[in-house]
Amino acid sequence: MRPAPQLLVLTVGQGIAAGLAVALAALWSMGVLTHREAVWLVLLALLTAAIGGVASFFHMHHMAAARYILRRLKSSWLSREALTTGLFGGSLAILAAWSLFGSTASWAYVWWLWVTAAAGLLAMWVTAMLYATIPAVLSWHTPVTVISLLSLGLLSGASWTGLVLPLGDHVFRVFSVALMVFMLFVLGIKALHWRHFGESHGRLRAETGTGLPFAPYRLQDTGTTKPPYRMQTQVWPAIPVPVRNLFYGLIVLFVGVGPLLCLLLARLTGVEVLSVIFPGLVSVGVVLERWLFFADATHSSRVFFVDEPRHPSRVAAAAKKRAPVSQA
């Protein structure tokens, strides 16, 4: 599918904000943060959440319809996304005001930290479910999509703590080691996700791409009135295998290998600039991963533009086995 810049900014920004909120709650509960550091982290989270939220408005086809977005909470993951993202942003705003002007030495502040972190996780989960519950997009329709988006969001947000904290310092050794282990987990999840994407490339069937209401997936886009946008318009040419493999390698480099070495060197040498390079590497990797997530998606309507994979006839094969062998 054609990657929309608004969706890239929305999903990446939301993940960073939620990951920062979770990391902030964990670090504050561990007692390793100063008040000044906590303020900077929550402001970073609020900024990235605001950027993601603004990007979502530019993805709307009809801005005037925004006031109706919450009317289908019982059936629409998009409505639920709007609600949970708004609740997360509001929780972050309260947390930022509390951190700047209130007392942070009470149990109530810790409690609100974890409420905000939970709101961020909920917002990420709902956004991930929006994609994972679309059966017409074969490559997204898997629980691994949810785990992938959640884990990458947590990793990207946790890495952004390096913009404020010297992660090579011994005070943050537990947090740094946990990040290293988590990076290996993320790479494993992405390997499973890419395997599902690869299997989806060969699962196109004519019966799932008719666009008729009696087919498994109805692909007519009834919400768009601009001709020729009468059918699904998000299909574009498949990514060549060498280009796809190049992206796989770059994502592994920027999400896993590079940040892992950078964080390890920061722990061994104590050079603070490595803590700043670390989130930069992860952010580049997450942007590449999110672009590939959209660009390499296999939509059922692609069957209109490519030849359906041919499979040997099971009837002919069975008849051939039963055919008598002629005697010379």
Protein backbone atom coordinates (compact mmCIF):
# COMPACT_ATOMS: atom_id res chain seq x y z
CA MET A 1 0.00 0.00 0.00
CA ARG A 2 1.08 3.57 -0.57
CA PRO A 3 2.57 4.88 2.72
CA ALA A 4 0.75 8.02 3.87
CA PRO A 5 3.12 10.50 5.57
CA GLN A 6 0.40 11.35 8.10
CA LEU A 7 0.15 7.73 9.23
CA LEU A 8 3.93 7.45 9.49
CA VAL A 9 4.08 10.51 11.75
CA LEU A 10 1.04 9.39 13.77
CA THR A 11 2.22 5.85 14.51
CA VAL A 12 5.87 6.78 15.11
CA GLY A 13 5.01 9.79 17.28
CA GLN A 14 2.44 7.88 19.32
CA GLY A 15 4.90 5.03 19.91
CA ILE A 16 7.67 7.35 21.08
CA ALA A 17 5.31 9.20 23.42
CA ALA A 18 3.90 6.02 24.95
CA GLY A 19 7.36 4.44 25.26
CA LEU A 20 8.64 7.57 27.00
CA ALA A 21 5.69 7.50 29.41
CA VAL A 22 6.36 3.87 30.33
CA ALA A 23 10.11 4.47 30.69
CA LEU A 24 9.49 7.56 32.83
CA ALA A 25 7.16 5.67 35.16
CA ALA A 26 9.64 2.81 35.52
CA LEU A 27 12.68 5.03 36.09
CA TRP A 28 10.87 7.26 38.60
CA SER A 29 9.64 4.23 40.52
CA MET A 30 13.24 2.93 40.60
CA GLY A 31 14.32 6.21 42.22
CA VAL A 32 17.05 7.02 39.70
CA LEU A 33 15.57 10.22 38.21
CA THR A 34 15.91 13.81 39.35
CA HIS A 35 12.98 16.20 39.13
CA ARG A 36 14.61 18.09 36.27
CA GLU A 37 15.14 14.91 34.26
CA ALA A 38 11.54 13.84 34.80
CA VAL A 39 10.28 17.21 33.57
CA TRP A 40 12.31 16.99 30.36
CA LEU A 41 11.13 13.45 29.67
CA VAL A 42 7.46 14.26 30.14
CA LEU A 43 7.79 17.34 27.91
CA LEU A 44 9.39 15.20 25.20
CA ALA A 45 6.51 12.73 25.49
CA LEU A 46 3.93 15.53 25.28
CA LEU A 47 5.65 17.02 22.23
CA THR A 48 5.80 13.74 20.28
CA ALA A 49 2.19 12.90 21.22
CA ALA A 50 1.05 16.32 20.00
CA ILE A 51 2.89 15.90 16.69
CA GLY A 52 1.28 12.51 16.17
CA GLY A 53 -2.16 13.84 17.07
CA VAL A 54 -1.92 16.78 14.68
CA ALA A 55 -0.80 14.43 11.88
CA SER A 56 -3.94 12.34 12.33
CA PHE A 57 -6.17 15.32 11.47
CA PHE A 58 -4.43 15.78 8.12
CA HIS A 59 -5.27 12.17 7.26
CA MET A 60 -8.99 12.87 7.27
CA HIS A 61 -10.72 13.12 3.89
CA HIS A 62 -13.42 15.41 5.26
CA MET A 63 -12.37 17.63 8.18
CA ALA A 64 -16.01 18.60 8.83
CA ALA A 65 -16.76 14.97 9.72
CA ALA A 66 -14.31 15.01 12.64
CA ARG A 67 -17.10 15.86 15.07
CA TYR A 68 -18.74 12.51 14.32
CA ILE A 69 -15.62 10.43 14.95
CA LEU A 70 -16.70 9.19 18.39
CA ARG A 71 -20.17 8.03 17.36
CA ARG A 72 -19.15 4.45 16.51
CA LEU A 73 -17.17 3.38 19.56
CA LYS A 74 -18.97 0.02 19.69
CA SER A 75 -17.93 -1.06 16.20
CA SER A 76 -15.09 1.12 14.91
CA TRP A 77 -11.45 0.79 15.92
CA LEU A 78 -10.86 4.19 14.32
CA SER A 79 -13.29 5.81 16.75
CA ARG A 80 -11.62 3.98 19.62
CA GLU A 81 -8.23 5.17 18.41
CA ALA A 82 -9.39 8.78 18.45
CA LEU A 83 -10.74 8.38 21.99
CA THR A 84 -7.75 6.57 23.50
CA THR A 85 -5.20 8.83 21.79
CA GLY A 86 -7.05 11.86 23.14
CA LEU A 87 -7.16 10.39 26.64
CA PHE A 88 -3.44 9.67 26.48
CA GLY A 89 -2.68 13.20 25.33
CA GLY A 90 -4.83 14.63 28.12
CA SER A 91 -3.12 12.44 30.72
CA LEU A 92 0.28 13.62 29.46
CA ALA A 93 -0.81 17.27 29.64
CA ILE A 94 -1.91 16.83 33.27
CA LEU A 95 1.35 15.02 34.06
CA ALA A 96 3.40 17.81 32.48
CA ALA A 97 1.55 20.49 34.47
CA TRP A 98 1.93 18.44 37.65
CA SER A 99 5.65 17.95 37.04
CA LEU A 100 6.22 21.65 36.37
CA PHE A 101 4.05 23.26 39.04
CA GLY A 102 3.02 20.57 41.53
CA SER A 103 4.62 18.34 44.10
CA THR A 104 6.31 15.21 42.75
CA ALA A 105 7.21 13.77 46.13
CA SER A 106 3.84 12.12 46.80
CA TRP A 107 2.40 8.68 46.05
CA ALA A 108 -0.32 10.38 43.98
CA TYR A 109 2.31 11.55 41.46
CA VAL A 110 3.65 8.00 41.07
CA TRP A 111 0.10 6.74 40.69
CA TRP A 112 -0.62 9.25 37.91
CA LEU A 113 2.65 8.35 36.20
CA TRP A 114 1.49 4.76 35.84
CA VAL A 115 -2.03 5.82 34.81
CA THR A 116 -0.46 7.85 32.00
CA ALA A 117 1.78 4.94 31.03
CA ALA A 118 -1.25 2.63 30.93
CA ALA A 119 -3.13 5.16 28.78
CA GLY A 120 -0.19 5.21 26.36
CA LEU A 121 -0.11 1.42 26.13
CA LEU A 122 -3.87 1.34 25.57
CA ALA A 123 -3.62 3.93 22.78
CA MET A 124 -0.85 1.95 21.06
CA TRP A 125 -2.82 -1.29 21.39
CA VAL A 126 -5.96 0.22 19.88
CA THR A 127 -3.98 1.67 16.96
CA ALA A 128 -2.34 -1.71 16.38
CA MET A 129 -5.74 -3.44 16.49
CA LEU A 130 -7.03 -1.03 13.85
CA TYR A 131 -4.53 -2.55 11.40
CA ALA A 132 -4.55 -6.14 12.67
CA THR A 133 -8.33 -6.46 12.30
CA ILE A 134 -8.45 -5.61 8.58
CA PRO A 135 -8.82 -9.03 6.89
CA ALA A 136 -8.46 -7.58 3.40
CA VAL A 137 -4.86 -6.59 4.15
CA LEU A 138 -3.43 -10.08 4.38
CA SER A 139 -0.03 -9.09 5.75
CA TRP A 140 -1.48 -7.09 8.67
CA HIS A 141 -4.16 -9.58 9.67
CA THR A 142 -2.19 -11.32 12.42
CA PRO A 143 -1.66 -10.89 16.20
CA VAL A 144 2.04 -10.36 15.48
CA THR A 145 1.13 -6.94 14.07
CA VAL A 146 -0.07 -5.88 17.52
CA ILE A 147 3.05 -7.19 19.28
CA SER A 148 5.31 -5.59 16.67
CA LEU A 149 3.79 -2.12 16.92
CA LEU A 150 3.73 -2.24 20.71
CA SER A 151 7.32 -3.44 21.08
CA LEU A 152 8.73 -0.97 18.56
CA GLY A 153 6.86 1.87 20.23
CA LEU A 154 8.24 0.92 23.64
CA LEU A 155 11.77 0.60 22.27
CA SER A 156 11.68 3.91 20.41
CA GLY A 157 10.31 5.78 23.41
CA ALA A 158 12.72 4.17 25.86
CA SER A 159 15.62 5.04 23.55
CA TRP A 160 14.61 8.71 23.58
CA THR A 161 15.50 8.83 27.27
CA GLY A 162 19.10 8.98 26.00
CA LEU A 163 18.43 12.57 24.89
CA VAL A 164 18.12 13.52 28.56
CA LEU A 165 19.87 10.78 30.55
CA PRO A 166 23.50 9.57 30.41
CA LEU A 167 22.60 5.92 29.87
CA GLY A 168 26.26 4.92 30.24
CA ASP A 169 26.21 5.99 33.89
CA HIS A 170 26.16 3.18 36.44
CA VAL A 171 22.94 4.62 37.89
CA PHE A 172 21.08 3.48 34.77
CA ARG A 173 22.84 0.13 34.33
CA VAL A 174 19.70 -1.94 35.02
CA PHE A 175 17.68 0.14 32.57
CA SER A 176 20.42 -0.10 29.92
CA VAL A 177 20.75 -3.87 30.22
CA ALA A 178 16.98 -4.24 30.02
CA LEU A 179 17.01 -2.17 26.81
CA MET A 180 19.69 -4.42 25.28
CA VAL A 181 17.66 -7.54 26.01
CA PHE A 182 14.50 -5.90 24.71
CA MET A 183 16.21 -5.02 21.43
CA LEU A 184 16.89 -8.71 20.81
CA PHE A 185 13.22 -9.45 21.54
CA VAL A 186 12.13 -6.80 19.02
CA LEU A 187 14.34 -8.32 16.32
CA GLY A 188 12.76 -11.73 16.96
CA ILE A 189 9.26 -10.27 16.66
CA LYS A 190 10.16 -8.51 13.42
CA ALA A 191 11.51 -11.78 12.00
CA LEU A 192 8.13 -13.42 12.68
CA HIS A 193 6.30 -10.42 11.23
CA TRP A 194 8.36 -10.42 8.03
CA ARG A 195 7.78 -14.14 7.66
CA HIS A 196 4.03 -13.51 7.72
CA PHE A 197 4.45 -10.68 5.19
CA GLY A 198 6.35 -13.07 2.90
CA GLU A 199 3.64 -15.70 3.14
CA SER A 200 0.98 -13.09 2.37
CA HIS A 201 2.63 -12.19 -0.93
CA GLY A 202 1.57 -15.56 -2.35
CA ARG A 203 -1.93 -15.75 -0.88
CA LEU A 204 -3.76 -13.59 -3.41
CA ARG A 205 -6.95 -15.23 -4.69
CA ALA A 206 -9.43 -13.99 -7.27
CA GLU A 207 -12.40 -14.82 -5.05
CA THR A 208 -11.18 -12.38 -2.36
CA GLY A 209 -10.69 -9.50 -4.77
CA THR A 210 -14.01 -9.17 -6.55
CA GLY A 211 -15.27 -6.27 -4.49
CA LEU A 212 -18.73 -7.85 -4.38
CA PRO A 213 -20.67 -8.00 -1.11
CA PHE A 214 -20.84 -11.82 -1.31
CA ALA A 215 -17.05 -12.19 -1.46
CA PRO A 216 -15.06 -12.61 1.74
CA TYR A 217 -13.87 -8.98 1.64
CA ARG A 218 -15.81 -6.05 0.21
CA LEU A 219 -13.23 -3.68 -1.29
CA GLN A 220 -15.45 -0.89 -2.61
CA ASP A 221 -14.49 2.42 -1.05
CA THR A 222 -17.92 3.95 -0.40
CA GLY A 223 -16.53 6.76 1.73
CA THR A 224 -14.80 8.54 -1.15
CA THR A 225 -16.61 10.54 -3.81
CA LYS A 226 -13.75 11.79 -5.96
CA PRO A 227 -13.57 9.89 -9.26
CA PRO A 228 -11.93 7.56 -10.06
CA TYR A 229 -11.71 6.63 -6.38
CA ARG A 230 -14.61 4.17 -6.56
CA MET A 231 -12.50 1.18 -5.58
CA GLN A 232 -9.49 0.56 -3.35
CA THR A 233 -6.80 3.04 -4.39
CA GLN A 234 -4.02 2.15 -1.99
CA VAL A 235 -2.46 -0.56 -4.18
CA TRP A 236 0.85 0.19 -5.82
CA PRO A 237 3.54 -1.97 -7.45
CA ALA A 238 5.07 -4.68 -5.30
CA ILE A 239 8.49 -3.92 -3.84
CA PRO A 240 11.27 -5.84 -5.65
CA VAL A 241 12.89 -8.56 -3.56
CA PRO A 242 16.38 -6.92 -3.52
CA VAL A 243 14.88 -3.64 -2.29
CA ARG A 244 12.86 -5.46 0.36
CA ASN A 245 15.95 -7.34 1.56
CA LEU A 246 17.88 -4.06 1.68
CA PHE A 247 15.23 -2.59 3.96
CA TYR A 248 15.34 -5.70 6.15
CA GLY A 249 19.08 -5.29 6.54
CA LEU A 250 18.86 -1.57 7.30
CA ILE A 251 16.12 -2.08 9.89
CA VAL A 252 18.13 -4.80 11.65
CA LEU A 253 21.16 -2.48 11.59
CA PHE A 254 19.40 0.62 12.93
CA VAL A 255 16.93 -1.02 15.32
CA GLY A 256 19.14 -3.80 16.68
CA VAL A 257 22.83 -4.12 15.87
CA GLY A 258 23.78 -0.43 15.79
CA PRO A 259 21.91 0.67 18.94
CA LEU A 260 23.05 -2.45 20.80
CA LEU A 261 26.71 -1.70 20.10
CA CYS A 262 26.19 1.99 20.84
CA LEU A 263 24.60 1.30 24.22
CA LEU A 264 27.23 -1.30 25.06
CA LEU A 265 30.03 1.16 24.27
CA ALA A 266 28.29 3.81 26.37
CA ARG A 267 28.23 1.40 29.30
CA LEU A 268 31.91 0.46 28.86
CA THR A 269 33.36 3.90 28.12
CA GLY A 270 30.91 6.30 29.78
CA VAL A 271 31.00 8.64 26.76
CA GLU A 272 27.78 10.65 27.01
CA VAL A 273 27.47 11.47 23.31
CA LEU A 274 26.76 7.80 22.65
CA SER A 275 23.55 8.16 24.66
CA VAL A 276 22.40 10.81 22.17
CA ILE A 277 23.42 8.76 19.10
CA PHE A 278 21.50 5.76 20.47
CA PRO A 279 17.96 7.24 20.07
CA GLY A 280 18.92 8.64 16.66
CA LEU A 281 19.77 5.18 15.36
CA VAL A 282 16.60 3.62 16.75
CA SER A 283 14.43 6.42 15.35
CA VAL A 284 15.84 5.97 11.84
CA GLY A 285 15.21 2.23 12.10
CA VAL A 286 11.62 2.70 13.30
CA VAL A 287 10.84 5.13 10.45
CA LEU A 288 12.23 2.62 7.92
CA GLU A 289 10.24 -0.19 9.54
CA ARG A 290 7.01 1.80 9.51
CA TRP A 291 7.47 2.79 5.87
CA LEU A 292 7.99 -0.86 4.93
CA PHE A 293 5.00 -1.87 7.07
CA PHE A 294 2.74 0.17 4.80
CA ALA A 295 4.63 -0.12 1.49
CA ASP A 296 5.01 -3.92 1.57
CA ALA A 297 1.46 -4.64 2.72
CA THR A 298 -0.47 -7.11 0.57
CA HIS A 299 -4.02 -5.92 -0.03
CA SER A 300 -6.47 -8.43 -1.52
CA SER A 301 -7.37 -6.01 -4.30
CA ARG A 302 -3.85 -6.34 -5.68
CA VAL A 303 -5.16 -9.42 -7.46
CA PHE A 304 -6.63 -7.00 -10.03
CA PHE A 305 -3.15 -5.80 -10.97
CA VAL A 306 -1.04 -8.97 -10.82
CA ASP A 307 -1.38 -12.52 -12.06
CA GLU A 308 -2.81 -14.90 -9.50
CA PRO A 309 -0.25 -17.54 -8.46
CA ARG A 310 -0.92 -20.79 -10.25
CA HIS A 311 -1.36 -24.00 -8.31
CA PRO A 312 -1.35 -27.53 -9.75
CA SER A 313 -4.76 -29.10 -10.17
CA ARG A 314 -5.52 -31.61 -7.43
CA VAL A 315 -8.12 -33.30 -9.66
CA ALA A 316 -5.71 -33.77 -12.55
CA ALA A 317 -3.02 -35.05 -10.22
CA ALA A 318 -5.41 -37.61 -8.70
CA ALA A 319 -6.59 -38.75 -12.13
CA LYS A 320 -3.03 -39.17 -13.29
CA LYS A 321 -2.27 -41.41 -10.33
CA ARG A 322 -5.30 -43.61 -11.11
CA ALA A 323 -4.53 -43.92 -14.84
CA PRO A 324 -3.60 -47.52 -15.77
CA VAL A 325 -0.10 -48.19 -16.97
CA SER A 326 -0.14 -49.46 -20.58
CA GLN A 327 1.49 -52.83 -21.22
CA ALA A 328 4.01 -52.93 -24.07
